[in-house]
Structures are given as structure tokens and as C-alpha cells.
Amino acid sequence: MTTTEIPHTADAIIARAKDIQPLLRESAARIEEHRRLPEDIVELLRSSGVFRAAMPRAWGGPELTSVEQTRLIETIAYGDVSAGWCSMIGMDSGIYSGFLD
């Protein structure tokens, strides 16, 4: 997948997550072996809009609802469970930032 535009809506981010499932599956053994997400997988998730999914709209984010966030993590986890877990952790900053002044 070679795209430079980061998706900005729940539907687009979830669709991109579905698109990258095969790449996550292909990387599952490598992820498990090294016990971390490789940089290329982190960049793949970043460019898919995953880490900014919960960022408030007031800050230019897509502000996915809790249900949309759960669908997104589930979608990623179907590709690789570790990637799903790390994505959930990575999205937290967007959630928490919405509570800051």
C-alpha cells in the first residue's frame, strides 16, 4: 500500500485498518519473534490514522466514539493481536488530550 494521505473519518480509518490486515498477518511471526512492533508496522499504523483516531475534533482529529474505537482495534487485531493492543495503547493520548486545557 502506497498512500500518503492519512484518513480523517471513522469509516476511512477502519477501512484502512481492514486494508492492512494482510500485512499485519504477514508480520505476525516477526512481531512475536522480536516482541515488539517493527518500525515499518508502526509507520503503517500511523499512516492509517490509528494513533490519532481518538484525537478531539477541536484539535483537528477524527474523535472516534468508543464503539468506533473498539471496532478499529478489533479490525487491527484480526491482522495481529499485538498490533491491536499497541494501537489501543497508542490511541490513549488522543483520548486523554481531550480532557486537558
PDB file of N, CA and C in Angstrom:
ATOM      1  N   MET A   1       0.844  -1.165   0.000  1.00  0.00           N
ATOM      2  CA  MET A   1       0.000   0.000   0.000  1.00  0.00           C
ATOM      3  C   MET A   1       0.892   1.231   0.000  1.00  0.00           C
ATOM      4  N   THR A   2       0.702   2.087  -0.958  1.00  0.00           N
ATOM      5  CA  THR A   2       1.461   3.316  -1.005  1.00  0.00           C
ATOM      6  C   THR A   2       0.504   4.479  -1.097  1.00  0.00           C
ATOM      7  N   THR A   3       0.231   5.054   0.024  1.00  0.00           N
ATOM      8  CA  THR A   3      -0.628   6.219   0.073  1.00  0.00           C
ATOM      9  C   THR A   3      -0.060   7.178   1.101  1.00  0.00           C
ATOM     10  N   THR A   4      -0.187   8.452   0.849  1.00  0.00           N
ATOM     11  CA  THR A   4       0.394   9.418   1.768  1.00  0.00           C
ATOM     12  C   THR A   4      -0.670  10.134   2.578  1.00  0.00           C
ATOM     13  N   GLU A   5      -1.914  10.088   2.141  1.00  0.00           N
ATOM     14  CA  GLU A   5      -2.971  10.802   2.848  1.00  0.00           C
ATOM     15  C   GLU A   5      -3.474   9.967   4.030  1.00  0.00           C
ATOM     16  N   ILE A   6      -3.453  10.585   5.202  1.00  0.00           N
ATOM     17  CA  ILE A   6      -3.940   9.916   6.403  1.00  0.00           C
ATOM     18  C   ILE A   6      -5.450  10.112   6.460  1.00  0.00           C
ATOM     19  N   PRO A   7      -6.207   9.036   6.642  1.00  0.00           N
ATOM     20  CA  PRO A   7      -7.669   9.171   6.684  1.00  0.00           C
ATOM     21  C   PRO A   7      -8.126   9.978   7.897  1.00  0.00           C
ATOM     22  N   HIS A   8      -9.286  10.650   7.745  1.00  0.00           N
ATOM     23  CA  HIS A   8      -9.758  11.557   8.789  1.00  0.00           C
ATOM     24  C   HIS A   8     -11.141  11.226   9.334  1.00  0.00           C
ATOM     25  N   THR A   9     -11.753  10.141   8.881  1.00  0.00           N
ATOM     26  CA  THR A   9     -13.075   9.774   9.387  1.00  0.00           C
ATOM     27  C   THR A   9     -13.017   8.350   9.934  1.00  0.00           C
ATOM     28  N   ALA A  10     -13.964   8.032  10.800  1.00  0.00           N
ATOM     29  CA  ALA A  10     -14.010   6.686  11.380  1.00  0.00           C
ATOM     30  C   ALA A  10     -14.082   5.630  10.287  1.00  0.00           C
ATOM     31  N   ASP A  11     -14.975   5.816   9.330  1.00  0.00           N
ATOM     32  CA  ASP A  11     -15.138   4.828   8.260  1.00  0.00           C
ATOM     33  C   ASP A  11     -13.846   4.651   7.459  1.00  0.00           C
ATOM     34  N   ALA A  12     -13.180   5.754   7.167  1.00  0.00           N
ATOM     35  CA  ALA A  12     -11.949   5.682   6.378  1.00  0.00           C
ATOM     36  C   ALA A  12     -10.809   5.025   7.161  1.00  0.00           C
ATOM     37  N   ILE A  13     -10.708   5.331   8.451  1.00  0.00           N
ATOM     38  CA  ILE A  13      -9.655   4.742   9.275  1.00  0.00           C
ATOM     39  C   ILE A  13      -9.893   3.240   9.439  1.00  0.00           C
ATOM     40  N   ILE A  14     -11.132   2.852   9.684  1.00  0.00           N
ATOM     41  CA  ILE A  14     -11.458   1.426   9.827  1.00  0.00           C
ATOM     42  C   ILE A  14     -11.248   0.695   8.502  1.00  0.00           C
ATOM     43  N   ALA A  15     -11.611   1.333   7.396  1.00  0.00           N
ATOM     44  CA  ALA A  15     -11.379   0.726   6.080  1.00  0.00           C
ATOM     45  C   ALA A  15      -9.889   0.529   5.831  1.00  0.00           C
ATOM     46  N   ARG A  16      -9.075   1.503   6.198  1.00  0.00           N
ATOM     47  CA  ARG A  16      -7.628   1.372   6.027  1.00  0.00           C
ATOM     48  C   ARG A  16      -7.101   0.243   6.908  1.00  0.00           C
ATOM     49  N   ALA A  17      -7.647   0.121   8.125  1.00  0.00           N
ATOM     50  CA  ALA A  17      -7.235  -0.976   9.014  1.00  0.00           C
ATOM     51  C   ALA A  17      -7.550  -2.329   8.376  1.00  0.00           C
ATOM     52  N   LYS A  18      -8.688  -2.429   7.715  1.00  0.00           N
ATOM     53  CA  LYS A  18      -9.019  -3.676   7.011  1.00  0.00           C
ATOM     54  C   LYS A  18      -8.032  -3.929   5.879  1.00  0.00           C
ATOM     55  N   ASP A  19      -7.638  -2.863   5.192  1.00  0.00           N
ATOM     56  CA  ASP A  19      -6.693  -2.992   4.085  1.00  0.00           C
ATOM     57  C   ASP A  19      -5.332  -3.509   4.541  1.00  0.00           C
ATOM     58  N   ILE A  20      -4.917  -3.153   5.746  1.00  0.00           N
ATOM     59  CA  ILE A  20      -3.584  -3.545   6.202  1.00  0.00           C
ATOM     60  C   ILE A  20      -3.577  -4.874   6.961  1.00  0.00           C
ATOM     61  N   GLN A  21      -4.736  -5.476   7.172  1.00  0.00           N
ATOM     62  CA  GLN A  21      -4.782  -6.769   7.872  1.00  0.00           C
ATOM     63  C   GLN A  21      -3.829  -7.804   7.272  1.00  0.00           C
ATOM     64  N   PRO A  22      -3.810  -7.980   5.951  1.00  0.00           N
ATOM     65  CA  PRO A  22      -2.889  -8.988   5.390  1.00  0.00           C
ATOM     66  C   PRO A  22      -1.423  -8.692   5.715  1.00  0.00           C
ATOM     67  N   LEU A  23      -1.043  -7.427   5.689  1.00  0.00           N
ATOM     68  CA  LEU A  23       0.339  -7.060   6.015  1.00  0.00           C
ATOM     69  C   LEU A  23       0.650  -7.352   7.479  1.00  0.00           C
ATOM     70  N   LEU A  24      -0.339  -7.117   8.350  1.00  0.00           N
ATOM     71  CA  LEU A  24      -0.151  -7.425   9.761  1.00  0.00           C
ATOM     72  C   LEU A  24      -0.012  -8.934   9.972  1.00  0.00           C
ATOM     73  N   ARG A  25      -0.853  -9.708   9.279  1.00  0.00           N
ATOM     74  CA  ARG A  25      -0.756 -11.169   9.380  1.00  0.00           C
ATOM     75  C   ARG A  25       0.621 -11.664   8.925  1.00  0.00           C
ATOM     76  N   GLU A  26       1.100 -11.109   7.822  1.00  0.00           N
ATOM     77  CA  GLU A  26       2.409 -11.494   7.295  1.00  0.00           C
ATOM     78  C   GLU A  26       3.531 -11.155   8.279  1.00  0.00           C
ATOM     79  N   SER A  27       3.331 -10.135   9.089  1.00  0.00           N
ATOM     80  CA  SER A  27       4.353  -9.680  10.031  1.00  0.00           C
ATOM     81  C   SER A  27       4.196 -10.286  11.415  1.00  0.00           C
ATOM     82  N   ALA A  28       3.166 -11.080  11.639  1.00  0.00           N
ATOM     83  CA  ALA A  28       2.867 -11.602  12.977  1.00  0.00           C
ATOM     84  C   ALA A  28       4.035 -12.383  13.574  1.00  0.00           C
ATOM     85  N   ALA A  29       4.662 -13.248  12.794  1.00  0.00           N
ATOM     86  CA  ALA A  29       5.782 -14.042  13.315  1.00  0.00           C
ATOM     87  C   ALA A  29       6.960 -13.143  13.677  1.00  0.00           C
ATOM     88  N   ARG A  30       7.223 -12.153  12.850  1.00  0.00           N
ATOM     89  CA  ARG A  30       8.317 -11.207  13.116  1.00  0.00           C
ATOM     90  C   ARG A  30       8.033 -10.400  14.373  1.00  0.00           C
ATOM     91  N   ILE A  31       6.775  -9.961  14.532  1.00  0.00           N
ATOM     92  CA  ILE A  31       6.376  -9.215  15.722  1.00  0.00           C
ATOM     93  C   ILE A  31       6.570 -10.083  16.963  1.00  0.00           C
ATOM     94  N   GLU A  32       6.118 -11.314  16.887  1.00  0.00           N
ATOM     95  CA  GLU A  32       6.247 -12.240  18.021  1.00  0.00           C
ATOM     96  C   GLU A  32       7.714 -12.529  18.328  1.00  0.00           C
ATOM     97  N   GLU A  33       8.484 -12.775  17.295  1.00  0.00           N
ATOM     98  CA  GLU A  33       9.897 -13.115  17.488  1.00  0.00           C
ATOM     99  C   GLU A  33      10.666 -11.995  18.191  1.00  0.00           C
ATOM    100  N   HIS A  34      10.405 -10.753  17.769  1.00  0.00           N
ATOM    101  CA  HIS A  34      11.142  -9.616  18.327  1.00  0.00           C
ATOM    102  C   HIS A  34      10.453  -8.997  19.545  1.00  0.00           C
ATOM    103  N   ARG A  35       9.223  -9.451  19.815  1.00  0.00           N
ATOM    104  CA  ARG A  35       8.455  -8.993  20.971  1.00  0.00           C
ATOM    105  C   ARG A  35       8.255  -7.477  20.983  1.00  0.00           C
ATOM    106  N   ARG A  36       8.075  -6.928  19.787  1.00  0.00           N
ATOM    107  CA  ARG A  36       7.799  -5.502  19.629  1.00  0.00           C
ATOM    108  C   ARG A  36       7.291  -5.267  18.217  1.00  0.00           C
ATOM    109  N   LEU A  37       6.662  -4.126  18.017  1.00  0.00           N
ATOM    110  CA  LEU A  37       6.240  -3.780  16.662  1.00  0.00           C
ATOM    111  C   LEU A  37       7.428  -3.197  15.916  1.00  0.00           C
ATOM    112  N   PRO A  38       7.761  -3.741  14.758  1.00  0.00           N
ATOM    113  CA  PRO A  38       8.838  -3.173  13.960  1.00  0.00           C
ATOM    114  C   PRO A  38       8.457  -1.767  13.481  1.00  0.00           C
ATOM    115  N   GLU A  39       9.453  -0.975  13.191  1.00  0.00           N
ATOM    116  CA  GLU A  39       9.227   0.412  12.765  1.00  0.00           C
ATOM    117  C   GLU A  39       8.310   0.508  11.552  1.00  0.00           C
ATOM    118  N   ASP A  40       8.439  -0.421  10.604  1.00  0.00           N
ATOM    119  CA  ASP A  40       7.592  -0.342   9.412  1.00  0.00           C
ATOM    120  C   ASP A  40       6.120  -0.581   9.763  1.00  0.00           C
ATOM    121  N   ILE A  41       5.854  -1.410  10.758  1.00  0.00           N
ATOM    122  CA  ILE A  41       4.471  -1.651  11.177  1.00  0.00           C
ATOM    123  C   ILE A  41       3.942  -0.444  11.949  1.00  0.00           C
ATOM    124  N   VAL A  42       4.771   0.147  12.781  1.00  0.00           N
ATOM    125  CA  VAL A  42       4.368   1.368  13.499  1.00  0.00           C
ATOM    126  C   VAL A  42       4.021   2.457  12.491  1.00  0.00           C
ATOM    127  N   GLU A  43       4.854   2.620  11.471  1.00  0.00           N
ATOM    128  CA  GLU A  43       4.590   3.629  10.446  1.00  0.00           C
ATOM    129  C   GLU A  43       3.324   3.303   9.657  1.00  0.00           C
ATOM    130  N   LEU A  44       3.088   2.034   9.399  1.00  0.00           N
ATOM    131  CA  LEU A  44       1.877   1.611   8.704  1.00  0.00           C
ATOM    132  C   LEU A  44       0.633   1.988   9.517  1.00  0.00           C
ATOM    133  N   LEU A  45       0.674   1.735  10.806  1.00  0.00           N
ATOM    134  CA  LEU A  45      -0.444   2.102  11.685  1.00  0.00           C
ATOM    135  C   LEU A  45      -0.600   3.620  11.762  1.00  0.00           C
ATOM    136  N   ARG A  46       0.518   4.323  11.874  1.00  0.00           N
ATOM    137  CA  ARG A  46       0.487   5.791  11.944  1.00  0.00           C
ATOM    138  C   ARG A  46      -0.139   6.369  10.680  1.00  0.00           C
ATOM    139  N   SER A  47       0.308   5.889   9.533  1.00  0.00           N
ATOM    140  CA  SER A  47      -0.197   6.434   8.270  1.00  0.00           C
ATOM    141  C   SER A  47      -1.641   6.014   7.994  1.00  0.00           C
ATOM    142  N   SER A  48      -2.127   5.046   8.743  1.00  0.00           N
ATOM    143  CA  SER A  48      -3.520   4.621   8.613  1.00  0.00           C
ATOM    144  C   SER A  48      -4.462   5.431   9.506  1.00  0.00           C
ATOM    145  N   GLY A  49      -3.896   6.335  10.293  1.00  0.00           N
ATOM    146  CA  GLY A  49      -4.710   7.193  11.151  1.00  0.00           C
ATOM    147  C   GLY A  49      -5.040   6.587  12.501  1.00  0.00           C
ATOM    148  N   VAL A  50      -4.451   5.442  12.804  1.00  0.00           N
ATOM    149  CA  VAL A  50      -4.810   4.709  14.019  1.00  0.00           C
ATOM    150  C   VAL A  50      -4.477   5.492  15.284  1.00  0.00           C
ATOM    151  N   PHE A  51      -3.271   6.035  15.365  1.00  0.00           N
ATOM    152  CA  PHE A  51      -2.841   6.655  16.612  1.00  0.00           C
ATOM    153  C   PHE A  51      -3.525   7.989  16.896  1.00  0.00           C
ATOM    154  N   ARG A  52      -4.122   8.590  15.878  1.00  0.00           N
ATOM    155  CA  ARG A  52      -4.828   9.860  16.098  1.00  0.00           C
ATOM    156  C   ARG A  52      -6.341   9.686  16.096  1.00  0.00           C
ATOM    157  N   ALA A  53      -6.807   8.448  16.067  1.00  0.00           N
ATOM    158  CA  ALA A  53      -8.231   8.158  15.920  1.00  0.00           C
ATOM    159  C   ALA A  53      -9.100   8.769  17.014  1.00  0.00           C
ATOM    160  N   ALA A  54      -8.583   8.871  18.220  1.00  0.00           N
ATOM    161  CA  ALA A  54      -9.388   9.401  19.329  1.00  0.00           C
ATOM    162  C   ALA A  54      -9.142  10.886  19.585  1.00  0.00           C
ATOM    163  N   MET A  55      -8.275  11.498  18.791  1.00  0.00           N
ATOM    164  CA  MET A  55      -7.964  12.921  18.974  1.00  0.00           C
ATOM    165  C   MET A  55      -9.233  13.758  18.796  1.00  0.00           C
ATOM    166  N   PRO A  56      -9.471  14.714  19.704  1.00  0.00           N
ATOM    167  CA  PRO A  56     -10.687  15.527  19.620  1.00  0.00           C
ATOM    168  C   PRO A  56     -10.788  16.309  18.306  1.00  0.00           C
ATOM    169  N   ARG A  57     -11.996  16.487  17.836  1.00  0.00           N
ATOM    170  CA  ARG A  57     -12.234  17.276  16.615  1.00  0.00           C
ATOM    171  C   ARG A  57     -11.727  18.703  16.775  1.00  0.00           C
ATOM    172  N   ALA A  58     -11.867  19.242  17.989  1.00  0.00           N
ATOM    173  CA  ALA A  58     -11.415  20.609  18.256  1.00  0.00           C
ATOM    174  C   ALA A  58      -9.919  20.764  17.988  1.00  0.00           C
ATOM    175  N   TRP A  59      -9.187  19.679  18.007  1.00  0.00           N
ATOM    176  CA  TRP A  59      -7.744  19.694  17.747  1.00  0.00           C
ATOM    177  C   TRP A  59      -7.435  19.155  16.364  1.00  0.00           C
ATOM    178  N   GLY A  60      -8.459  18.986  15.530  1.00  0.00           N
ATOM    179  CA  GLY A  60      -8.262  18.504  14.171  1.00  0.00           C
ATOM    180  C   GLY A  60      -8.302  16.999  14.007  1.00  0.00           C
ATOM    181  N   GLY A  61      -8.698  16.297  15.064  1.00  0.00           N
ATOM    182  CA  GLY A  61      -8.755  14.845  15.000  1.00  0.00           C
ATOM    183  C   GLY A  61     -10.116  14.337  14.578  1.00  0.00           C
ATOM    184  N   PRO A  62     -10.219  13.038  14.342  1.00  0.00           N
ATOM    185  CA  PRO A  62     -11.486  12.449  13.918  1.00  0.00           C
ATOM    186  C   PRO A  62     -12.430  12.127  15.077  1.00  0.00           C
ATOM    187  N   GLU A  63     -11.908  12.097  16.302  1.00  0.00           N
ATOM    188  CA  GLU A  63     -12.706  11.871  17.514  1.00  0.00           C
ATOM    189  C   GLU A  63     -13.660  10.678  17.372  1.00  0.00           C
ATOM    190  N   LEU A  64     -13.096   9.501  17.140  1.00  0.00           N
ATOM    191  CA  LEU A  64     -13.924   8.302  17.054  1.00  0.00           C
ATOM    192  C   LEU A  64     -14.634   8.057  18.379  1.00  0.00           C
ATOM    193  N   THR A  65     -15.857   7.583  18.297  1.00  0.00           N
ATOM    194  CA  THR A  65     -16.600   7.231  19.504  1.00  0.00           C
ATOM    195  C   THR A  65     -15.985   5.967  20.120  1.00  0.00           C
ATOM    196  N   SER A  66     -16.407   5.635  21.319  1.00  0.00           N
ATOM    197  CA  SER A  66     -15.911   4.415  21.969  1.00  0.00           C
ATOM    198  C   SER A  66     -16.222   3.177  21.135  1.00  0.00           C
ATOM    199  N   VAL A  67     -17.406   3.145  20.552  1.00  0.00           N
ATOM    200  CA  VAL A  67     -17.787   2.000  19.716  1.00  0.00           C
ATOM    201  C   VAL A  67     -16.911   1.947  18.469  1.00  0.00           C
ATOM    202  N   GLU A  68     -16.672   3.075  17.840  1.00  0.00           N
ATOM    203  CA  GLU A  68     -15.817   3.108  16.645  1.00  0.00           C
ATOM    204  C   GLU A  68     -14.380   2.714  16.992  1.00  0.00           C
ATOM    205  N   GLN A  69     -13.895   3.172  18.138  1.00  0.00           N
ATOM    206  CA  GLN A  69     -12.543   2.803  18.567  1.00  0.00           C
ATOM    207  C   GLN A  69     -12.442   1.296  18.785  1.00  0.00           C
ATOM    208  N   THR A  70     -13.471   0.721  19.385  1.00  0.00           N
ATOM    209  CA  THR A  70     -13.483  -0.729  19.616  1.00  0.00           C
ATOM    210  C   THR A  70     -13.489  -1.477  18.301  1.00  0.00           C
ATOM    211  N   ARG A  71     -14.299  -1.023  17.334  1.00  0.00           N
ATOM    212  CA  ARG A  71     -14.309  -1.643  16.002  1.00  0.00           C
ATOM    213  C   ARG A  71     -12.943  -1.554  15.341  1.00  0.00           C
ATOM    214  N   LEU A  72     -12.286  -0.412  15.503  1.00  0.00           N
ATOM    215  CA  LEU A  72     -10.968  -0.211  14.910  1.00  0.00           C
ATOM    216  C   LEU A  72      -9.948  -1.179  15.510  1.00  0.00           C
ATOM    217  N   ILE A  73      -9.905  -1.270  16.818  1.00  0.00           N
ATOM    218  CA  ILE A  73      -8.953  -2.169  17.476  1.00  0.00           C
ATOM    219  C   ILE A  73      -9.245  -3.624  17.111  1.00  0.00           C
ATOM    220  N   GLU A  74     -10.520  -3.975  17.064  1.00  0.00           N
ATOM    221  CA  GLU A  74     -10.893  -5.333  16.666  1.00  0.00           C
ATOM    222  C   GLU A  74     -10.407  -5.628  15.247  1.00  0.00           C
ATOM    223  N   THR A  75     -10.569  -4.677  14.366  1.00  0.00           N
ATOM    224  CA  THR A  75     -10.149  -4.840  12.975  1.00  0.00           C
ATOM    225  C   THR A  75      -8.642  -5.054  12.885  1.00  0.00           C
ATOM    226  N   ILE A  76      -7.893  -4.259  13.619  1.00  0.00           N
ATOM    227  CA  ILE A  76      -6.433  -4.402  13.618  1.00  0.00           C
ATOM    228  C   ILE A  76      -6.036  -5.749  14.215  1.00  0.00           C
ATOM    229  N   ALA A  77      -6.694  -6.129  15.310  1.00  0.00           N
ATOM    230  CA  ALA A  77      -6.363  -7.381  15.995  1.00  0.00           C
ATOM    231  C   ALA A  77      -6.612  -8.598  15.113  1.00  0.00           C
ATOM    232  N   TYR A  78      -7.548  -8.513  14.177  1.00  0.00           N
ATOM    233  CA  TYR A  78      -7.744  -9.625  13.242  1.00  0.00           C
ATOM    234  C   TYR A  78      -6.511  -9.796  12.356  1.00  0.00           C
ATOM    235  N   GLY A  79      -5.739  -8.742  12.184  1.00  0.00           N
ATOM    236  CA  GLY A  79      -4.473  -8.851  11.460  1.00  0.00           C
ATOM    237  C   GLY A  79      -3.372  -9.353  12.370  1.00  0.00           C
ATOM    238  N   ASP A  80      -3.244  -8.754  13.538  1.00  0.00           N
ATOM    239  CA  ASP A  80      -2.264  -9.181  14.535  1.00  0.00           C
ATOM    240  C   ASP A  80      -2.705  -8.641  15.894  1.00  0.00           C
ATOM    241  N   VAL A  81      -2.818  -9.542  16.849  1.00  0.00           N
ATOM    242  CA  VAL A  81      -3.317  -9.168  18.177  1.00  0.00           C
ATOM    243  C   VAL A  81      -2.390  -8.167  18.851  1.00  0.00           C
ATOM    244  N   SER A  82      -1.093  -8.353  18.728  1.00  0.00           N
ATOM    245  CA  SER A  82      -0.147  -7.418  19.346  1.00  0.00           C
ATOM    246  C   SER A  82      -0.280  -6.020  18.747  1.00  0.00           C
ATOM    247  N   ALA A  83      -0.477  -5.958  17.452  1.00  0.00           N
ATOM    248  CA  ALA A  83      -0.667  -4.663  16.797  1.00  0.00           C
ATOM    249  C   ALA A  83      -1.950  -4.013  17.297  1.00  0.00           C
ATOM    250  N   GLY A  84      -2.985  -4.813  17.527  1.00  0.00           N
ATOM    251  CA  GLY A  84      -4.227  -4.277  18.086  1.00  0.00           C
ATOM    252  C   GLY A  84      -4.018  -3.707  19.475  1.00  0.00           C
ATOM    253  N   TRP A  85      -3.296  -4.447  20.308  1.00  0.00           N
ATOM    254  CA  TRP A  85      -3.023  -3.987  21.677  1.00  0.00           C
ATOM    255  C   TRP A  85      -2.202  -2.688  21.658  1.00  0.00           C
ATOM    256  N   CYS A  86      -1.145  -2.670  20.884  1.00  0.00           N
ATOM    257  CA  CYS A  86      -0.301  -1.479  20.819  1.00  0.00           C
ATOM    258  C   CYS A  86      -1.061  -0.286  20.231  1.00  0.00           C
ATOM    259  N   SER A  87      -1.944  -0.544  19.296  1.00  0.00           N
ATOM    260  CA  SER A  87      -2.761   0.533  18.727  1.00  0.00           C
ATOM    261  C   SER A  87      -3.687   1.121  19.778  1.00  0.00           C
ATOM    262  N   MET A  88      -4.276   0.256  20.602  1.00  0.00           N
ATOM    263  CA  MET A  88      -5.150   0.732  21.668  1.00  0.00           C
ATOM    264  C   MET A  88      -4.372   1.631  22.629  1.00  0.00           C
ATOM    265  N   ILE A  89      -3.189   1.202  23.003  1.00  0.00           N
ATOM    266  CA  ILE A  89      -2.351   1.999  23.895  1.00  0.00           C
ATOM    267  C   ILE A  89      -1.956   3.311  23.216  1.00  0.00           C
ATOM    268  N   GLY A  90      -1.594   3.239  21.945  1.00  0.00           N
ATOM    269  CA  GLY A  90      -1.181   4.421  21.205  1.00  0.00           C
ATOM    270  C   GLY A  90      -2.288   5.448  21.014  1.00  0.00           C
ATOM    271  N   MET A  91      -3.535   4.998  20.962  1.00  0.00           N
ATOM    272  CA  MET A  91      -4.668   5.919  20.804  1.00  0.00           C
ATOM    273  C   MET A  91      -4.990   6.667  22.092  1.00  0.00           C
ATOM    274  N   ASP A  92      -4.504   6.161  23.222  1.00  0.00           N
ATOM    275  CA  ASP A  92      -4.865   6.759  24.506  1.00  0.00           C
ATOM    276  C   ASP A  92      -4.518   8.238  24.616  1.00  0.00           C
ATOM    277  N   SER A  93      -3.407   8.655  24.028  1.00  0.00           N
ATOM    278  CA  SER A  93      -3.021  10.067  24.148  1.00  0.00           C
ATOM    279  C   SER A  93      -4.093  10.974  23.555  1.00  0.00           C
ATOM    280  N   GLY A  94      -4.741  10.533  22.493  1.00  0.00           N
ATOM    281  CA  GLY A  94      -5.822  11.325  21.904  1.00  0.00           C
ATOM    282  C   GLY A  94      -7.008  11.434  22.824  1.00  0.00           C
ATOM    283  N   ILE A  95      -7.324  10.346  23.497  1.00  0.00           N
ATOM    284  CA  ILE A  95      -8.438  10.360  24.452  1.00  0.00           C
ATOM    285  C   ILE A  95      -8.135  11.316  25.586  1.00  0.00           C
ATOM    286  N   TYR A  96      -6.962  11.160  26.181  1.00  0.00           N
ATOM    287  CA  TYR A  96      -6.604  11.971  27.350  1.00  0.00           C
ATOM    288  C   TYR A  96      -6.417  13.432  26.999  1.00  0.00           C
ATOM    289  N   SER A  97      -5.925  13.710  25.808  1.00  0.00           N
ATOM    290  CA  SER A  97      -5.697  15.108  25.430  1.00  0.00           C
ATOM    291  C   SER A  97      -6.999  15.895  25.401  1.00  0.00           C
ATOM    292  N   GLY A  98      -8.101  15.222  25.155  1.00  0.00           N
ATOM    293  CA  GLY A  98      -9.390  15.905  25.125  1.00  0.00           C
ATOM    294  C   GLY A  98      -9.830  16.430  26.487  1.00  0.00           C
ATOM    295  N   PHE A  99      -9.184  15.946  27.519  1.00  0.00           N
ATOM    296  CA  PHE A  99      -9.524  16.386  28.872  1.00  0.00           C
ATOM    297  C   PHE A  99      -8.598  17.480  29.402  1.00  0.00           C
ATOM    298  N   LEU A 100      -7.614  17.881  28.598  1.00  0.00           N
ATOM    299  CA  LEU A 100      -6.664  18.900  29.016  1.00  0.00           C
ATOM    300  C   LEU A 100      -7.084  20.275  28.528  1.00  0.00           C
ATOM    301  N   ASP A 101      -6.720  21.274  29.248  1.00  0.00           N
ATOM    302  CA  ASP A 101      -6.985  22.654  28.821  1.00  0.00           C
ATOM    303  C   ASP A 101      -6.078  23.050  27.680  1.00  0.00           C
TER     304      ASP A 101
END
